[in-house]
Structures are given as structure tokens and as C-alpha cells.
N, C-alpha and C. Protein backbone atom coordinates (compact mmCIF):
# COMPACT_ATOMS: atom_id res chain seq x y z
N MET A 1 0.85 -1.05 0.40
CA MET A 1 -0.28 0.52 0.15
C MET A 1 0.96 1.06 0.33
N THR A 2 1.95 1.39 0.83
CA THR A 2 2.55 1.91 1.24
C THR A 2 3.24 2.83 -0.56
N LYS A 3 3.41 1.53 -1.51
CA LYS A 3 3.85 1.62 -2.73
C LYS A 3 3.12 2.64 -3.25
N TYR A 4 2.05 2.37 -3.48
CA TYR A 4 0.83 2.40 -4.16
C TYR A 4 1.20 3.89 -4.17
N PHE A 5 0.70 4.47 -2.71
CA PHE A 5 0.70 5.51 -1.95
C PHE A 5 2.04 6.51 -2.77
N LEU A 6 2.89 5.86 -2.37
CA LEU A 6 4.15 6.81 -3.41
C LEU A 6 3.85 6.50 -4.72
N ILE A 7 3.92 6.12 -5.24
CA ILE A 7 3.68 5.97 -7.07
C ILE A 7 2.78 7.20 -7.45
N PHE A 8 1.66 7.05 -6.13
CA PHE A 8 0.46 8.05 -6.36
C PHE A 8 0.88 9.68 -6.04
N LEU A 9 2.15 9.78 -5.10
CA LEU A 9 2.09 11.04 -4.57
C LEU A 9 3.34 11.35 -5.80
N LEU A 10 4.11 10.33 -6.07
CA LEU A 10 5.01 10.82 -7.91
C LEU A 10 4.44 11.79 -8.71
N THR A 11 3.23 10.33 -9.17
CA THR A 11 2.14 11.24 -10.07
C THR A 11 2.15 12.58 -10.34
N VAL A 12 1.48 12.24 -8.64
CA VAL A 12 0.59 13.37 -8.54
C VAL A 12 2.02 14.53 -8.23
N ASN A 13 2.93 15.04 -7.61
CA ASN A 13 3.92 15.28 -8.06
C ASN A 13 4.46 15.66 -8.86
N SER A 14 4.62 14.50 -9.99
CA SER A 14 5.13 15.35 -11.43
C SER A 14 4.33 15.79 -12.11
N LEU A 15 2.91 15.50 -12.26
CA LEU A 15 1.31 16.64 -12.55
C LEU A 15 1.49 18.00 -12.56
N PHE A 16 1.31 17.89 -10.98
CA PHE A 16 2.05 19.39 -10.15
C PHE A 16 2.94 19.95 -11.27
N SER A 17 4.08 19.07 -10.85
CA SER A 17 5.24 19.48 -11.45
C SER A 17 4.61 20.32 -13.30
N LEU A 18 4.23 19.49 -13.85
CA LEU A 18 3.98 19.48 -15.27
C LEU A 18 3.14 21.24 -15.22
N ASP A 19 2.23 20.76 -14.72
CA ASP A 19 1.09 22.13 -14.15
C ASP A 19 1.91 23.29 -14.37
N LEU A 20 3.24 23.35 -13.59
CA LEU A 20 2.77 24.72 -12.91
C LEU A 20 4.46 25.04 -14.22
N ASN A 21 5.16 24.01 -14.41
CA ASN A 21 5.35 24.65 -15.64
C ASN A 21 4.41 24.52 -16.96
N ASN A 22 3.83 25.01 -17.71
CA ASN A 22 2.58 25.13 -18.24
C ASN A 22 2.28 26.38 -17.63
N LEU A 23 1.88 26.47 -16.74
CA LEU A 23 1.86 27.72 -15.66
C LEU A 23 2.88 28.63 -16.39
N LEU A 24 3.82 28.51 -15.68
CA LEU A 24 4.94 29.10 -15.83
C LEU A 24 4.61 29.71 -17.62
N LYS A 25 5.05 29.27 -18.55
CA LYS A 25 5.20 28.43 -20.04
C LYS A 25 4.36 30.22 -20.31
N ASP A 26 3.09 29.88 -19.75
CA ASP A 26 1.77 30.99 -20.05
C ASP A 26 1.78 32.03 -19.86
N ILE A 27 3.01 32.25 -18.48
CA ILE A 27 3.52 33.24 -18.40
C ILE A 27 3.64 34.43 -19.31
N GLN A 28 4.58 33.69 -19.01
CA GLN A 28 5.96 34.06 -19.89
C GLN A 28 5.18 34.34 -21.11
N ASN A 29 4.20 33.58 -21.88
CA ASN A 29 3.86 34.30 -23.14
C ASN A 29 2.90 35.40 -22.89
N ASP A 30 1.82 35.62 -21.76
CA ASP A 30 1.66 36.64 -21.70
C ASP A 30 2.11 37.56 -21.46
N ALA A 31 3.17 37.87 -20.76
CA ALA A 31 4.46 38.77 -20.49
C ALA A 31 4.86 39.69 -21.93
N SER A 32 5.18 38.77 -22.11
CA SER A 32 5.60 38.49 -24.20
C SER A 32 4.55 39.40 -24.74
N VAL A 33 3.50 38.55 -24.74
CA VAL A 33 2.56 39.64 -25.94
C VAL A 33 1.91 41.10 -25.01
N GLN A 34 2.41 40.81 -23.53
CA GLN A 34 1.98 42.25 -23.44
C GLN A 34 3.17 43.50 -23.64
N ILE A 35 4.22 42.82 -23.10
CA ILE A 35 5.34 43.67 -23.44
C ILE A 35 5.78 44.06 -25.08
N LYS A 36 4.63 43.96 -25.30
CA LYS A 36 4.82 43.51 -27.65
C LYS A 36 4.29 44.26 -27.20
N GLU A 37 2.79 44.61 -26.35
CA GLU A 37 1.46 46.26 -27.24
C GLU A 37 2.15 47.02 -26.16
N GLU A 38 2.77 46.87 -25.07
CA GLU A 38 3.10 48.61 -24.41
C GLU A 38 4.31 49.36 -25.45
N GLN A 39 4.95 48.19 -26.02
CA GLN A 39 6.37 48.87 -27.10
C GLN A 39 5.41 49.29 -28.01
N LYS A 40 4.28 48.88 -28.30
CA LYS A 40 3.37 49.49 -29.92
C LYS A 40 3.14 50.03 -29.22
N ARG A 41 2.48 50.56 -27.58
CA ARG A 41 2.03 51.96 -27.36
C ARG A 41 2.85 52.99 -27.14
N LEU A 42 3.76 52.72 -26.35
CA LEU A 42 5.34 53.51 -26.60
C LEU A 42 4.85 54.09 -28.11
N ASN A 43 5.17 53.07 -29.27
CA ASN A 43 5.90 53.96 -30.52
C ASN A 43 5.03 54.82 -31.01
N GLU A 44 3.92 54.39 -31.08
CA GLU A 44 1.96 54.98 -30.77
C GLU A 44 1.92 56.59 -30.61
N PHE A 45 2.31 56.70 -28.82
CA PHE A 45 2.32 57.64 -28.30
C PHE A 45 4.10 58.93 -28.63
N LYS A 46 4.75 58.53 -28.94
CA LYS A 46 6.16 58.57 -29.78
C LYS A 46 5.50 59.10 -31.35
N GLU A 47 4.93 58.26 -31.85
CA GLU A 47 4.13 59.11 -33.10
C GLU A 47 3.46 60.49 -33.09
N ASN A 48 3.00 59.94 -32.32
CA ASN A 48 1.68 61.17 -31.44
C ASN A 48 2.66 62.51 -30.65
N GLU A 49 3.15 61.96 -30.59
CA GLU A 49 3.82 63.80 -30.06
C GLU A 49 4.42 63.81 -30.60
N SER A 50 5.66 63.73 -31.75
CA SER A 50 5.82 64.06 -33.10
C SER A 50 4.88 65.17 -33.68
N LYS A 51 3.41 64.21 -33.60
CA LYS A 51 2.34 64.80 -34.46
C LYS A 51 1.81 66.39 -34.07
N GLN A 52 2.06 65.83 -32.20
CA GLN A 52 1.48 67.36 -31.42
C GLN A 52 2.60 67.98 -31.68
N LYS A 53 3.54 68.15 -31.45
CA LYS A 53 4.76 68.44 -31.77
C LYS A 53 4.73 69.54 -33.06
N GLN A 54 4.43 68.91 -33.88
CA GLN A 54 3.98 69.20 -35.45
C GLN A 54 3.02 70.24 -35.37
N LEU A 55 1.53 69.77 -34.66
CA LEU A 55 0.73 70.63 -34.94
C LEU A 55 0.37 72.04 -33.80
N LEU A 56 1.52 71.77 -32.76
CA LEU A 56 1.91 72.99 -32.02
C LEU A 56 2.98 73.74 -32.29
N ASN A 57 3.93 73.23 -33.86
CA ASN A 57 4.71 73.83 -34.07
C ASN A 57 3.52 75.34 -35.15
N GLU A 58 2.72 74.66 -35.93
CA GLU A 58 2.15 74.96 -36.72
C GLU A 58 0.54 76.65 -36.04
N ALA A 59 0.58 75.52 -34.84
CA ALA A 59 -0.56 76.19 -34.44
C ALA A 59 0.64 77.43 -34.07
N LYS A 60 1.67 77.89 -33.95
CA LYS A 60 2.46 79.07 -33.07
C LYS A 60 2.69 79.49 -34.39
N ALA A 61 3.08 79.49 -35.22
CA ALA A 61 3.37 79.73 -36.08
C ALA A 61 1.94 80.28 -36.97
N ILE A 62 0.42 80.56 -36.94
CA ILE A 62 -0.07 80.97 -37.15
C ILE A 62 -0.83 81.92 -36.55
N LEU A 63 -0.16 81.57 -35.00
CA LEU A 63 -0.49 82.94 -34.16
C LEU A 63 0.02 83.49 -34.74
N SER A 64 1.55 83.69 -34.72
CA SER A 64 2.82 84.44 -35.31
C SER A 64 2.44 85.65 -36.34
N LYS A 65 1.61 85.13 -37.08
CA LYS A 65 0.87 85.50 -38.35
C LYS A 65 -0.01 86.15 -38.14
N GLU A 66 -1.41 86.03 -37.57
CA GLU A 66 -1.99 86.22 -37.11
C GLU A 66 -2.05 87.64 -36.07
N SER A 67 -1.06 87.83 -35.21
CA SER A 67 -0.52 88.66 -34.00
C SER A 67 -0.24 89.22 -35.21
N LYS A 68 0.95 89.38 -35.90
CA LYS A 68 1.15 90.11 -37.09
C LYS A 68 0.39 91.64 -37.95
N LYS A 69 -0.69 90.02 -37.71
CA LYS A 69 -1.95 91.07 -38.52
C LYS A 69 -2.54 92.07 -38.46
N SER A 70 -2.70 91.19 -37.03
CA SER A 70 -3.92 92.61 -35.85
C SER A 70 -2.68 93.61 -35.60
N GLU A 71 -2.03 93.71 -35.46
CA GLU A 71 -1.01 95.14 -35.07
C GLU A 71 -1.04 95.88 -36.12
N ARG A 72 -1.17 95.15 -37.67
CA ARG A 72 -1.29 96.05 -38.74
C ARG A 72 -2.50 97.08 -39.00
N LEU A 73 -3.26 96.14 -38.82
CA LEU A 73 -4.93 96.45 -39.07
C LEU A 73 -5.47 96.94 -37.53
N LYS A 74 -4.90 97.42 -36.30
CA LYS A 74 -5.26 97.71 -35.90
C LYS A 74 -4.39 99.45 -35.37
N THR A 75 -2.79 99.87 -36.71
CA THR A 75 -2.64 100.59 -37.08
C THR A 75 -3.32 101.35 -37.67
N THR A 76 -4.02 100.64 -38.11
CA THR A 76 -4.57 100.89 -39.42
C THR A 76 -5.98 101.72 -39.18
N LEU A 77 -6.81 101.15 -37.87
CA LEU A 77 -7.95 101.72 -37.40
C LEU A 77 -7.61 102.93 -36.22
N ASP A 78 -6.28 102.77 -36.17
CA ASP A 78 -6.06 103.96 -35.35
C ASP A 78 -5.38 105.16 -36.36
N LYS A 79 -4.88 104.68 -36.95
CA LYS A 79 -4.98 105.73 -38.37
C LYS A 79 -6.42 106.26 -38.97
N ASN A 80 -7.48 105.68 -39.29
CA ASN A 80 -8.63 105.87 -39.24
C ASN A 80 -9.35 106.60 -38.75
N GLU A 81 -9.13 106.17 -37.06
CA GLU A 81 -9.77 107.35 -36.29
C GLU A 81 -9.70 108.98 -36.42
N GLU A 82 -8.31 108.51 -36.21
CA GLU A 82 -7.44 110.35 -36.57
C GLU A 82 -8.21 110.66 -37.95
N LEU A 83 -8.55 110.25 -38.59
CA LEU A 83 -8.61 110.94 -40.12
C LEU A 83 -10.47 111.46 -39.99
N LEU A 84 -11.03 110.22 -39.33
CA LEU A 84 -12.40 109.88 -38.87
C LEU A 84 -12.65 111.55 -38.06
N MET A 85 -11.60 111.39 -36.97
CA MET A 85 -11.93 112.98 -36.46
C MET A 85 -11.77 114.09 -36.97
N GLU A 86 -10.89 113.82 -37.55
CA GLU A 86 -10.65 115.51 -38.60
C GLU A 86 -11.47 115.39 -39.55
N LYS A 87 -12.14 114.75 -40.30
CA LYS A 87 -13.58 114.68 -40.87
C LYS A 87 -14.79 115.11 -40.00
N GLU A 88 -14.50 115.00 -38.86
CA GLU A 88 -15.74 115.51 -38.76
C GLU A 88 -15.72 116.96 -38.05
N THR A 89 -15.08 116.99 -37.79
CA THR A 89 -14.22 118.63 -37.07
C THR A 89 -14.41 119.79 -38.57
N LEU A 90 -14.24 118.43 -39.96
CA LEU A 90 -14.41 119.58 -40.73
C LEU A 90 -15.40 119.49 -40.87
N LEU A 91 -16.56 118.59 -40.64
CA LEU A 91 -17.80 118.34 -41.09
C LEU A 91 -18.42 119.23 -40.09
N ASN A 92 -18.52 119.43 -38.80
CA ASN A 92 -18.64 120.13 -37.99
C ASN A 92 -18.58 122.09 -38.31
N GLN A 93 -17.77 122.41 -39.07
CA GLN A 93 -17.50 123.35 -39.11
C GLN A 93 -17.99 123.75 -40.50
N LYS A 94 -18.56 123.11 -41.02
CA LYS A 94 -19.33 123.25 -42.79
C LYS A 94 -20.78 123.13 -42.43
N MET A 95 -20.77 122.47 -41.41
CA MET A 95 -22.27 121.92 -40.92
C MET A 95 -23.17 123.66 -40.14
N GLY A 96 -21.73 124.25 -39.22
CA GLY A 96 -21.98 125.76 -38.62
C GLY A 96 -22.49 126.02 -39.03
N ASP A 97 -21.42 126.32 -40.96
CA ASP A 97 -22.00 128.22 -41.04
C ASP A 97 -23.26 127.32 -41.92
N LEU A 98 -23.04 126.55 -42.64
CA LEU A 98 -24.23 126.43 -43.36
C LEU A 98 -25.57 126.20 -42.59
N GLY A 99 -25.75 126.00 -41.07
CA GLY A 99 -26.33 126.29 -40.20
C GLY A 99 -26.63 128.03 -40.24
N GLU A 100 -25.50 129.19 -39.98
CA GLU A 100 -25.92 130.41 -40.83
C GLU A 100 -26.33 131.17 -41.79
N MET A 101 -26.08 130.29 -43.04
CA MET A 101 -26.82 130.26 -43.97
C MET A 101 -28.35 129.71 -43.86
N PHE A 102 -28.83 128.35 -43.17
CA PHE A 102 -29.53 128.15 -43.66
C PHE A 102 -30.53 129.23 -42.25
N GLY A 103 -30.00 129.51 -41.13
CA GLY A 103 -30.92 130.65 -40.53
C GLY A 103 -31.65 131.58 -41.16
N SER A 104 -30.16 132.48 -42.42
CA SER A 104 -30.35 133.71 -42.73
C SER A 104 -31.98 133.24 -43.52
N VAL A 105 -31.27 132.01 -44.60
CA VAL A 105 -32.47 131.38 -44.98
C VAL A 105 -33.81 132.14 -45.01
N ARG A 106 -34.42 130.94 -43.89
CA ARG A 106 -35.68 131.43 -43.56
C ARG A 106 -35.91 131.91 -42.48
N GLN A 107 -34.85 133.33 -42.03
CA GLN A 107 -35.57 134.85 -42.18
C GLN A 107 -36.43 135.14 -42.90
N THR A 108 -34.75 135.01 -44.23
CA THR A 108 -35.41 136.17 -45.48
C THR A 108 -36.92 136.01 -45.85
N SER A 109 -36.76 134.47 -45.57
CA SER A 109 -37.90 133.73 -46.62
C SER A 109 -39.19 133.91 -45.65
N ALA A 110 -38.91 134.14 -44.45
CA ALA A 110 -40.10 134.65 -43.51
C ALA A 110 -41.05 136.12 -43.93
N ASP A 111 -39.37 136.65 -44.00
CA ASP A 111 -39.51 138.06 -44.28
C ASP A 111 -40.89 138.15 -45.62
N PHE A 112 -39.46 137.75 -46.62
CA PHE A 112 -40.24 137.44 -47.74
C PHE A 112 -42.03 136.89 -47.64
N LEU A 113 -42.13 135.96 -47.20
CA LEU A 113 -43.62 135.34 -47.65
C LEU A 113 -45.05 136.38 -46.98
N THR A 114 -43.99 137.41 -45.73
CA THR A 114 -45.12 138.62 -44.82
C THR A 114 -45.02 139.23 -46.27
N ASN A 115 -44.08 139.69 -47.19
CA ASN A 115 -44.51 141.05 -47.67
C ASN A 115 -45.05 140.34 -48.80
N PHE A 116 -44.69 139.57 -49.44
CA PHE A 116 -45.63 138.40 -50.32
C PHE A 116 -47.40 138.20 -50.05
N GLN A 117 -47.17 137.88 -49.12
CA GLN A 117 -48.75 138.34 -48.97
C GLN A 117 -49.66 139.35 -48.83
N ALA A 118 -48.83 139.55 -48.17
CA ALA A 118 -49.35 141.31 -48.52
C ALA A 118 -49.46 142.18 -49.89
N SER A 119 -48.80 141.22 -50.94
CA SER A 119 -48.55 141.76 -52.53
C SER A 119 -50.20 141.22 -52.54
N LEU A 120 -50.41 142.60 -53.79
CA LEU A 120 -51.84 141.94 -54.69
C LEU A 120 -51.75 140.73 -55.54
N THR A 121 -50.75 140.19 -55.95
CA THR A 121 -50.14 139.20 -56.69
C THR A 121 -50.06 137.75 -56.12
N ALA A 122 -50.90 138.00 -54.65
CA ALA A 122 -50.79 136.46 -54.08
C ALA A 122 -51.26 136.11 -54.24
N SER A 123 -52.83 136.19 -55.02
CA SER A 123 -54.09 135.82 -54.93
C SER A 123 -53.46 134.58 -56.57
N HIS A 124 -52.42 135.23 -57.61
CA HIS A 124 -52.32 134.93 -58.61
C HIS A 124 -51.78 133.88 -58.45
N ASN A 125 -50.79 133.17 -57.24
CA ASN A 125 -49.77 131.86 -57.47
C ASN A 125 -49.63 131.75 -56.28
N PRO A 126 -50.83 130.72 -55.50
CA PRO A 126 -50.84 130.24 -54.28
C PRO A 126 -49.48 129.44 -54.29
N GLN A 127 -48.98 128.40 -55.43
CA GLN A 127 -48.54 127.51 -54.87
C GLN A 127 -46.82 128.37 -54.65
N LYS A 128 -46.53 129.49 -54.83
CA LYS A 128 -45.19 129.95 -54.44
C LYS A 128 -45.05 130.66 -53.20
N GLU A 129 -46.81 130.91 -52.24
CA GLU A 129 -46.12 131.18 -50.79
C GLU A 129 -46.17 129.19 -50.24
N GLU A 130 -46.93 128.61 -50.68
CA GLU A 130 -46.65 127.52 -50.04
C GLU A 130 -44.59 127.22 -50.25
N VAL A 131 -44.52 127.63 -51.10
CA VAL A 131 -42.81 126.96 -51.34
C VAL A 131 -42.27 128.06 -49.67
N PHE A 132 -42.51 129.36 -50.61
CA PHE A 132 -41.78 130.11 -48.74
C PHE A 132 -42.43 130.18 -47.46
N GLU A 133 -43.27 129.56 -47.66
CA GLU A 133 -43.77 129.01 -46.12
C GLU A 133 -43.36 128.01 -45.58
N GLU A 134 -43.17 126.51 -46.67
CA GLU A 134 -42.11 125.70 -46.27
C GLU A 134 -40.26 125.72 -45.84
N PHE A 135 -39.35 127.05 -46.69
CA PHE A 135 -38.38 127.06 -46.06
C PHE A 135 -38.54 128.04 -45.14
N ALA A 136 -39.36 128.77 -44.32
CA ALA A 136 -39.86 129.15 -43.28
C ALA A 136 -40.15 129.47 -42.44
N ASN A 137 -40.10 127.75 -42.35
CA ASN A 137 -41.45 126.97 -41.19
C ASN A 137 -40.09 125.62 -41.82
N SER A 138 -39.10 125.64 -41.63
CA SER A 138 -38.73 124.37 -41.91
C SER A 138 -37.38 124.27 -40.84
N LYS A 139 -37.34 123.16 -40.05
CA LYS A 139 -36.45 123.12 -39.22
C LYS A 139 -35.29 122.21 -39.20
N ASN A 140 -34.82 121.91 -40.68
CA ASN A 140 -33.37 120.78 -41.16
C ASN A 140 -33.59 121.30 -42.43
N PHE A 141 -32.15 121.37 -42.57
CA PHE A 141 -31.05 121.83 -43.89
C PHE A 141 -32.78 120.78 -44.99
N LEU A 142 -32.52 119.52 -45.05
CA LEU A 142 -33.55 119.41 -45.76
C LEU A 142 -35.00 119.44 -46.14
N ILE A 143 -35.31 119.40 -47.67
CA ILE A 143 -36.86 119.76 -47.53
C ILE A 143 -37.19 119.06 -48.52
């Protein structure tokens, strides 16, 4: 019986030993596959890193170009604002002169309307009276 028991133990031991060897080989194979996958991911990451650097450099170049364009446009805008201020000053001067002339036209039209209404020929042409009333009573430059 001891003999059978020893044979049984040796068989179990050898089976167990074979099973451990198979387990070790499986672990080594899995580790090898994982290392290859990790190496592949690392290579992809490095490739992505260089693409990202290239994209970053392109973005920096575009930013630099757009910054220069922005500066040029800002300079143009400043010049245009100065020109606009000059033109507005000139417009205000001319409007002042025109305003004085407009006031004179209104006053003269009102005086003429009074004289025209008192004249004997006023009833002959009523359209003229409407024109002079319009000039005398206008509030702005456009009629």
C-alpha cells in the first residue's frame, strides 16, 4: 500500500510539476504579448508626440502671423480713427457755416412771405406761398 501511495504521490507531484511548468510558460507568453503591446503603444505615443509637436509649431506660426496681422489692422484702425476725427471736425465746421446760412434763408423766407402775402399778386400764384412757408417753417436742412 505504501508502494501505491508513493506512486500516487509521485504521479501527483509530476502532474503538479507539469502543471506549474505550463503555468510558467503561459505567464511568460502573456508577459511577452503584454510587452509587445506596451512597446506598440509607446511607439504610437512617440509618433503622436511628434505629430502634436508639429501641430503645436503650426499653431504657433499661425498665431504669430495673426498677431502681426492684428497689429497692422490696429495701426490702420488708429489711423482711420484720426482721419475720422479730422473729417468730423471739418463736417462740424461746414455744418456750422451751413447752419448760419440756413438761418439766414429761413429769416429771409419769412420776411419775403410776409411781404408776399401782403402783395396784390399773392392770389395769382398760391404755389409760391407754399414754397416760402415751407422754407420759413423748416426745422432742418433738407426740404
